Amino acid sequence: CFETERDTCWSRHAPRVCNQFEMSAAPLALPALGSCPPVSVNRTFIAHDIGPHFNQSGELWWYLGALERDDGGGLAGVQLSFFRKSSDNCTDASRNDVISTLAIGLPPDRYVQTTRLTPKINVSRWRAEPYSLALGARWGVTAAASPSRQRLRAEGLDLGNSTWVSADLDLDVAAPYVRMGDGGIALLPSPGAPPSVLGHIAQPRIPASGTVRVGNASLAVRGEMWLQHIWWSAVPGGAFPTWNWFNIQLSDGHSVMLMALGNATDSTEASGCLGRVGSYGNLVDPRGASAALNWSDVCIRVRDVYEDTQCGVRYPVRSDIRVGAQLRLVVTAEVRDSVVRQGGCTTSYFEGASRATGEHGGRAVDGRGFTEHQWMTL
């Protein structure tokens, strides 16, 4: 299709993904898929898009929170992610590979995780309304009694240190969903081929409260979580690029999301700023209105890294962020070793709570958030 219809295969607002490509949530190598429908974002009922897109080959949900501990012990970083890939086609929910990970970080240096890997399962009960994203009775996010409430639960053993890990949180999901990228669409470029098209919506501020458990310690937590949901039909070349993902809730009510593609070797040579072509970001105001950022105004400079000697990878743990003249932040990870390791080092990435300090619109702000980094070996 790309050879015969190179100029008509896709367009910005009505993308058509043709032929088959291998799917990957880097660096997983997954089988090639048949043709899937083009990615779209529901323009009139955006809440529908928070549920599964079974006619698309893959999608990801991230529930991310830098939550305050009631005992005054600082922040607890909580992450529950779901990665769904159609096993053989994009037609139904009967055969899907799902990877779901719960990770909890407790400063200064405690980080635990547990993962469920469920190949070729039927997830036809996943839906947008009533909301259901579950892998059993005690693992998932499901609707509660009120339409605006959901319950997040997950538990399991961290096999690396034999520690029991669990989270049980009540979520108030009445806050609005917002479109990330350009109206809910993001384009990932691929040399010699049309770009891959992503659908991307989010809920930047979800009031949350409940308990997390790490070993024998049961901790009451509260704060705001951030839900990110991305779906796609194909990724040219078989893999996503490496990325740096910042999700920051500022004290003035604004929220900023930055998706900077590439690692340090991909920094713009002239500026030294992180993020190659295809990077994108959004600033969400306190009312929930999302504005796409001009990436030429964005500069992210890595100031400190954590060296994961176990897997031989470096990850940013402190970064300076500038968005034009309006926003300047220093973002610092709460736990330096916030590395999720699935299958040893087969799939590893950094994902943990962070704090931010700086200025927005000439006023001092602080913030909290979650950062994720998937870097190649340096």
Protein backbone atom coordinates (compact mmCIF):
# COMPACT_ATOMS: atom_id res chain seq x y z
CA CYS A 1 0.00 0.00 0.00
CA PHE A 2 2.79 2.42 0.87
CA GLU A 3 4.50 1.63 -2.43
CA THR A 4 1.46 2.21 -4.63
CA GLU A 5 -0.43 4.86 -2.67
CA ARG A 6 2.36 6.77 -0.98
CA ASP A 7 0.63 10.15 -1.37
CA THR A 8 -2.89 9.04 -0.49
CA CYS A 9 -2.33 6.44 2.21
CA TRP A 10 -2.92 8.76 5.12
CA SER A 11 -4.06 12.25 5.97
CA ARG A 12 -3.85 14.20 9.21
CA HIS A 13 -7.55 14.14 10.04
CA ALA A 14 -8.67 10.96 8.29
CA PRO A 15 -5.69 8.61 8.57
CA ARG A 16 -5.77 5.35 6.72
CA VAL A 17 -3.31 2.73 7.93
CA CYS A 18 -2.80 0.10 5.29
CA ASN A 19 -1.09 -3.26 5.11
CA GLN A 20 0.42 -5.00 8.11
CA PHE A 21 3.17 -4.05 10.52
CA GLU A 22 4.57 -5.63 13.63
CA MET A 23 3.19 -4.17 16.83
CA SER A 24 5.36 -3.42 19.81
CA ALA A 25 5.32 -1.65 23.14
CA ALA A 26 9.08 -1.19 23.04
CA PRO A 27 10.97 -3.38 23.13
CA LEU A 28 8.43 -6.25 22.95
CA ALA A 29 8.49 -8.00 19.57
CA LEU A 30 4.93 -8.96 18.64
CA PRO A 31 3.46 -10.76 15.62
CA ALA A 32 2.47 -8.96 12.44
CA LEU A 33 -1.20 -8.02 12.22
CA GLY A 34 -3.72 -7.78 9.44
CA SER A 35 -5.19 -4.47 8.29
CA CYS A 36 -7.02 -2.48 10.96
CA PRO A 37 -9.43 0.43 10.62
CA PRO A 38 -8.00 3.96 10.85
CA VAL A 39 -7.54 5.52 14.25
CA SER A 40 -10.26 7.99 15.23
CA VAL A 41 -11.31 10.00 18.27
CA ASN A 42 -14.98 10.41 19.15
CA ARG A 43 -15.68 14.13 18.69
CA THR A 44 -19.04 14.27 20.43
CA PHE A 45 -18.83 11.70 23.23
CA ILE A 46 -15.22 11.57 24.31
CA ALA A 47 -15.94 9.40 27.39
CA HIS A 48 -16.66 6.55 24.98
CA ASP A 49 -12.99 6.54 23.96
CA ILE A 50 -11.79 5.81 27.49
CA GLY A 51 -12.98 2.23 26.96
CA PRO A 52 -11.38 -0.41 24.72
CA HIS A 53 -11.02 -0.10 20.95
CA PHE A 54 -11.24 -3.73 19.91
CA ASN A 55 -11.03 -2.81 16.21
CA GLN A 56 -7.54 -1.43 16.82
CA SER A 57 -4.47 -3.60 17.15
CA GLY A 58 -3.24 -2.24 20.46
CA GLU A 59 -3.78 0.22 23.27
CA LEU A 60 -2.44 1.29 26.66
CA TRP A 61 -4.02 2.65 29.83
CA TRP A 62 -1.91 4.24 32.57
CA TYR A 63 -3.27 5.20 35.99
CA LEU A 64 -0.55 7.34 37.57
CA GLY A 65 -0.51 9.04 40.95
CA ALA A 66 1.89 10.89 43.24
CA LEU A 67 -0.30 10.58 46.35
CA GLU A 68 0.22 12.03 49.82
CA ARG A 69 0.61 9.58 52.68
CA ASP A 70 -1.67 10.29 55.65
CA ASP A 71 1.17 9.43 58.04
CA GLY A 72 3.22 12.38 56.79
CA GLY A 73 5.78 10.14 55.13
CA GLY A 74 5.76 12.09 51.84
CA LEU A 75 4.55 10.91 48.47
CA ALA A 76 3.61 7.41 47.43
CA GLY A 77 3.98 6.82 43.71
CA VAL A 78 1.28 4.48 42.36
CA GLN A 79 1.10 3.16 38.81
CA LEU A 80 -1.32 0.62 37.34
CA SER A 81 -0.93 0.04 33.60
CA PHE A 82 -2.68 -2.16 31.06
CA PHE A 83 -1.26 -3.03 27.64
CA ARG A 84 -3.67 -4.82 25.29
CA LYS A 85 -2.65 -6.24 21.91
CA SER A 86 -4.92 -8.09 19.52
CA SER A 87 -3.45 -11.58 19.19
CA ASP A 88 -4.29 -12.14 15.53
CA ASN A 89 -6.65 -9.51 14.11
CA CYS A 90 -8.57 -6.33 14.86
CA THR A 91 -12.09 -7.74 14.72
CA ASP A 92 -13.11 -8.80 18.22
CA ALA A 93 -12.16 -9.12 21.89
CA SER A 94 -11.77 -12.88 22.04
CA ARG A 95 -7.99 -13.20 21.55
CA ASN A 96 -5.84 -10.57 23.21
CA ASP A 97 -2.45 -10.49 24.88
CA VAL A 98 -2.53 -8.35 28.03
CA ILE A 99 0.31 -7.17 30.26
CA SER A 100 -0.66 -5.28 33.41
CA THR A 101 1.75 -3.92 36.03
CA LEU A 102 1.24 -2.46 39.50
CA ALA A 103 4.23 -0.47 40.80
CA ILE A 104 4.54 1.48 44.07
CA GLY A 105 7.38 3.79 45.02
CA LEU A 106 8.07 5.02 48.56
CA PRO A 107 10.84 7.61 49.02
CA PRO A 108 13.68 7.58 49.48
CA ASP A 109 14.51 4.23 47.89
CA ARG A 110 11.66 1.67 48.07
CA TYR A 111 10.20 0.53 44.73
CA VAL A 112 8.15 -2.64 44.29
CA GLN A 113 6.18 -4.07 41.39
CA THR A 114 4.07 -7.01 40.32
CA THR A 115 2.97 -7.94 36.80
CA ARG A 116 0.24 -10.07 35.26
CA LEU A 117 0.93 -11.48 31.80
CA THR A 118 -2.15 -13.09 30.24
CA PRO A 119 -1.78 -14.20 26.61
CA LYS A 120 -4.69 -14.86 24.26
CA ILE A 121 -7.49 -14.08 26.68
CA ASN A 122 -11.05 -12.92 26.10
CA VAL A 123 -11.56 -9.35 27.34
CA SER A 124 -15.02 -8.82 25.84
CA ARG A 125 -16.24 -7.65 29.26
CA TRP A 126 -13.97 -4.60 29.10
CA ARG A 127 -16.15 -1.60 28.29
CA ALA A 128 -16.54 2.16 28.62
CA GLU A 129 -19.97 2.09 30.32
CA PRO A 130 -20.33 0.79 32.91
CA TYR A 131 -16.57 1.04 33.05
CA SER A 132 -14.66 -2.22 33.32
CA LEU A 133 -10.98 -2.92 32.81
CA ALA A 134 -10.36 -6.02 34.88
CA LEU A 135 -8.24 -9.18 35.01
CA GLY A 136 -10.13 -10.95 37.76
CA ALA A 137 -11.98 -9.89 40.89
CA ARG A 138 -8.98 -8.26 42.57
CA TRP A 139 -7.14 -6.75 39.63
CA GLY A 140 -8.49 -3.88 37.57
CA VAL A 141 -10.47 -0.65 37.47
CA THR A 142 -14.24 -1.00 37.56
CA ALA A 143 -17.34 1.13 38.01
CA ALA A 144 -18.62 1.60 41.55
CA ALA A 145 -22.18 2.26 42.77
CA SER A 146 -22.18 5.88 41.58
CA PRO A 147 -21.61 6.68 37.87
CA SER A 148 -18.86 9.10 38.83
CA ARG A 149 -16.95 6.62 41.03
CA GLN A 150 -14.57 3.81 40.14
CA ARG A 151 -12.49 1.38 42.17
CA LEU A 152 -8.87 0.58 41.39
CA ARG A 153 -7.56 -2.68 42.83
CA ALA A 154 -4.49 -4.79 42.17
CA GLU A 155 -2.31 -7.09 44.24
CA GLY A 156 0.48 -9.59 43.81
CA LEU A 157 3.98 -10.66 44.78
CA ASP A 158 7.10 -8.77 43.77
CA LEU A 159 9.17 -11.75 42.66
CA GLY A 160 12.39 -9.77 42.91
CA ASN A 161 12.23 -9.45 46.70
CA SER A 162 9.23 -11.62 47.74
CA THR A 163 7.27 -8.57 48.88
CA TRP A 164 3.46 -8.46 48.75
CA VAL A 165 2.21 -5.39 46.87
CA SER A 166 -1.35 -4.07 46.66
CA ALA A 167 -3.43 -0.96 45.97
CA ASP A 168 -7.09 -0.32 46.71
CA LEU A 169 -8.22 3.17 45.70
CA ASP A 170 -11.52 4.97 45.27
CA LEU A 171 -11.51 7.24 42.18
CA ASP A 172 -13.79 10.23 41.56
CA VAL A 173 -13.94 10.32 37.76
CA ALA A 174 -16.39 13.23 37.41
CA ALA A 175 -13.60 15.48 36.09
CA PRO A 176 -13.61 16.00 32.30
CA TYR A 177 -11.68 13.93 29.79
CA VAL A 178 -9.42 15.92 27.50
CA ARG A 179 -7.86 15.29 24.09
CA MET A 180 -4.09 15.12 23.95
CA GLY A 181 -1.97 15.88 20.91
CA ASP A 182 -3.80 17.72 18.12
CA GLY A 183 -7.48 17.16 18.93
CA GLY A 184 -6.79 13.69 20.29
CA ILE A 185 -4.49 12.60 17.44
CA ALA A 186 -0.69 12.26 17.50
CA LEU A 187 1.60 11.26 14.63
CA LEU A 188 4.77 9.18 15.09
CA PRO A 189 7.06 9.62 12.09
CA SER A 190 8.81 6.69 10.45
CA PRO A 191 11.61 7.15 7.90
CA GLY A 192 10.48 6.27 4.38
CA ALA A 193 6.85 5.67 5.34
CA PRO A 194 3.76 7.61 6.43
CA PRO A 195 3.62 8.19 10.18
CA SER A 196 1.87 5.96 12.64
CA VAL A 197 -1.32 7.48 14.02
CA LEU A 198 -2.21 7.41 17.72
CA GLY A 199 -5.47 8.26 19.45
CA HIS A 200 -4.76 9.88 22.81
CA ILE A 201 -7.13 11.12 25.52
CA ALA A 202 -6.56 11.73 29.21
CA GLN A 203 -8.08 12.64 32.54
CA PRO A 204 -5.39 14.77 34.23
CA ARG A 205 -6.90 15.15 37.71
CA ILE A 206 -8.78 12.27 39.32
CA PRO A 207 -9.32 12.66 43.10
CA ALA A 208 -8.21 9.39 44.70
CA SER A 209 -8.05 7.96 48.20
CA GLY A 210 -7.49 4.54 49.74
CA THR A 211 -4.64 2.30 50.82
CA VAL A 212 -1.47 0.88 49.36
CA ARG A 213 0.41 -2.02 50.89
CA VAL A 214 4.10 -2.82 50.64
CA GLY A 215 5.04 -5.88 52.64
CA ASN A 216 3.69 -5.43 56.17
CA ALA A 217 3.15 -1.68 55.79
CA SER A 218 -0.41 -0.57 54.98
CA LEU A 219 -0.52 3.14 54.11
CA ALA A 220 -3.52 5.46 53.74
CA VAL A 221 -3.03 7.78 50.74
CA ARG A 222 -4.94 10.55 49.00
CA GLY A 223 -4.43 13.01 46.17
CA GLU A 224 -5.00 13.15 42.42
CA MET A 225 -4.23 10.54 39.79
CA TRP A 226 -3.75 10.97 36.05
CA LEU A 227 -5.23 8.60 33.47
CA GLN A 228 -3.62 8.39 30.03
CA HIS A 229 -5.14 6.25 27.27
CA ILE A 230 -3.52 5.67 23.86
CA TRP A 231 -4.59 3.38 21.00
CA TRP A 232 -3.21 2.63 17.54
CA SER A 233 -3.73 0.47 14.47
CA ALA A 234 -0.13 -0.03 13.35
CA VAL A 235 3.39 1.19 14.08
CA PRO A 236 5.73 1.24 11.05
CA GLY A 237 9.01 -0.47 11.72
CA GLY A 238 7.60 -2.68 14.45
CA ALA A 239 8.40 -0.57 17.51
CA PHE A 240 7.66 2.70 19.22
CA PRO A 241 10.60 5.08 19.53
CA THR A 242 12.16 5.57 22.93
CA TRP A 243 10.35 8.26 24.90
CA ASN A 244 10.27 10.62 27.88
CA TRP A 245 6.79 11.26 29.23
CA PHE A 246 6.07 13.99 31.77
CA ASN A 247 2.65 14.28 33.47
CA ILE A 248 2.67 17.18 35.92
CA GLN A 249 -0.15 18.66 38.04
CA LEU A 250 0.75 22.25 38.97
CA SER A 251 -0.32 24.04 42.14
CA ASP A 252 -2.14 26.74 40.12
CA GLY A 253 -4.58 24.16 38.74
CA HIS A 254 -2.94 23.69 35.34
CA SER A 255 -1.65 20.33 34.12
CA VAL A 256 1.10 19.78 31.58
CA MET A 257 1.78 16.68 29.50
CA LEU A 258 4.97 16.35 27.42
CA MET A 259 5.81 13.37 25.20
CA ALA A 260 9.44 13.84 24.17
CA LEU A 261 10.51 11.10 21.76
CA GLY A 262 14.05 9.74 21.69
CA ASN A 263 16.87 9.53 24.22
CA ALA A 264 19.94 11.65 24.84
CA THR A 265 21.54 10.60 21.56
CA ASP A 266 18.49 12.04 19.74
CA SER A 267 18.69 15.51 21.33
CA THR A 268 18.42 18.39 18.88
CA GLU A 269 22.06 19.14 18.13
CA ALA A 270 21.70 22.91 17.92
CA SER A 271 19.78 23.30 21.16
CA GLY A 272 20.65 20.23 23.20
CA CYS A 273 16.95 19.84 23.95
CA LEU A 274 15.36 16.42 24.29
CA GLY A 275 12.64 15.38 21.85
CA ARG A 276 12.92 14.58 18.17
CA VAL A 277 10.38 15.00 15.38
CA GLY A 278 6.96 13.73 16.43
CA SER A 279 7.21 14.91 20.04
CA TYR A 280 4.11 16.65 21.34
CA GLY A 281 2.60 18.21 24.45
CA ASN A 282 -0.49 19.83 25.94
CA LEU A 283 -1.29 22.39 28.62
CA VAL A 284 -4.64 21.82 30.34
CA ASP A 285 -6.20 24.75 32.22
CA PRO A 286 -8.13 24.39 35.52
CA ARG A 287 -11.44 24.15 33.60
CA GLY A 288 -10.19 21.18 31.59
CA ALA A 289 -9.53 22.95 28.28
CA SER A 290 -6.54 21.39 26.51
CA ALA A 291 -4.21 23.43 24.26
CA ALA A 292 -1.62 21.73 22.05
CA LEU A 293 1.88 23.13 22.53
CA ASN A 294 4.17 24.21 19.72
CA TRP A 295 7.09 21.84 20.20
CA SER A 296 9.55 24.44 18.95
CA ASP A 297 8.78 26.31 22.20
CA VAL A 298 9.65 23.27 24.34
CA CYS A 299 13.11 22.48 25.66
CA ILE A 300 13.85 19.58 28.02
CA ARG A 301 17.40 19.23 29.31
CA VAL A 302 18.46 16.21 31.36
CA ARG A 303 20.48 17.27 34.41
CA ASP A 304 20.91 13.98 36.26
CA VAL A 305 20.51 10.30 35.42
CA TYR A 306 20.09 7.03 37.30
CA GLU A 307 22.32 4.22 36.09
CA ASP A 308 20.44 0.92 36.12
CA THR A 309 23.44 -1.41 36.32
CA GLN A 310 21.16 -4.45 36.34
CA CYS A 311 19.92 -3.78 32.80
CA GLY A 312 22.67 -1.45 31.58
CA VAL A 313 20.44 1.58 30.95
CA ARG A 314 20.49 5.20 32.10
CA TYR A 315 17.29 7.08 32.93
CA PRO A 316 16.70 10.80 33.63
CA VAL A 317 15.88 11.60 37.26
CA ARG A 318 16.14 15.39 37.09
CA SER A 319 15.21 17.54 34.11
CA ASP A 320 14.83 21.24 33.34
CA ILE A 321 11.72 22.04 31.29
CA ARG A 322 10.98 25.27 29.43
CA VAL A 323 7.89 26.04 27.37
CA GLY A 324 8.49 29.41 25.74
CA ALA A 325 8.49 32.23 28.26
CA GLN A 326 5.42 30.97 30.10
CA LEU A 327 6.62 27.85 31.91
CA ARG A 328 9.90 26.84 33.55
CA LEU A 329 10.16 23.77 35.77
CA VAL A 330 12.71 21.53 37.44
CA VAL A 331 11.29 18.00 37.66
CA THR A 332 12.92 15.52 40.06
CA ALA A 333 12.10 11.84 40.61
CA GLU A 334 11.11 10.84 44.14
CA VAL A 335 12.76 7.38 43.93
CA ARG A 336 15.84 7.13 41.71
CA ASP A 337 15.44 3.40 41.03
CA SER A 338 11.86 3.49 39.75
CA VAL A 339 12.55 0.91 37.06
CA VAL A 340 9.86 -1.54 35.99
CA ARG A 341 11.49 -4.77 34.88
CA GLN A 342 9.35 -7.31 33.04
CA GLY A 343 11.01 -10.62 32.25
CA GLY A 344 14.27 -9.54 33.82
CA CYS A 345 15.62 -6.91 31.42
CA THR A 346 13.62 -8.07 28.39
CA THR A 347 11.32 -5.09 28.87
CA SER A 348 12.36 -2.34 31.26
CA TYR A 349 11.41 1.29 31.66
CA PHE A 350 11.46 4.01 34.30
CA GLU A 351 8.13 5.11 35.77
CA GLY A 352 7.77 6.93 39.05
CA ALA A 353 6.44 9.86 41.06
CA SER A 354 8.14 13.23 40.73
CA ARG A 355 8.07 16.73 42.19
CA ALA A 356 8.28 19.99 40.24
CA THR A 357 9.24 23.55 41.16
CA GLY A 358 9.41 26.64 38.97
CA GLU A 359 7.34 29.43 37.42
CA HIS A 360 4.19 29.55 35.31
CA GLY A 361 3.04 32.85 33.84
CA GLY A 362 5.50 34.75 36.01
CA ARG A 363 4.23 33.20 39.24
CA ALA A 364 5.97 30.64 41.44
CA VAL A 365 4.45 27.16 41.27
CA ASP A 366 5.21 23.70 42.50
CA GLY A 367 3.72 20.44 41.40
CA ARG A 368 3.73 16.71 41.49
CA GLY A 369 3.40 14.15 38.80
CA PHE A 370 4.63 11.03 37.12
CA THR A 371 7.44 10.60 34.64
CA GLU A 372 8.12 7.67 32.36
CA HIS A 373 11.29 7.03 30.36
CA GLN A 374 12.04 4.22 27.93
CA TRP A 375 15.66 4.63 26.88
CA MET A 376 17.96 2.47 24.83
CA THR A 377 21.33 1.47 26.25
CA LEU A 378 23.71 4.42 26.19
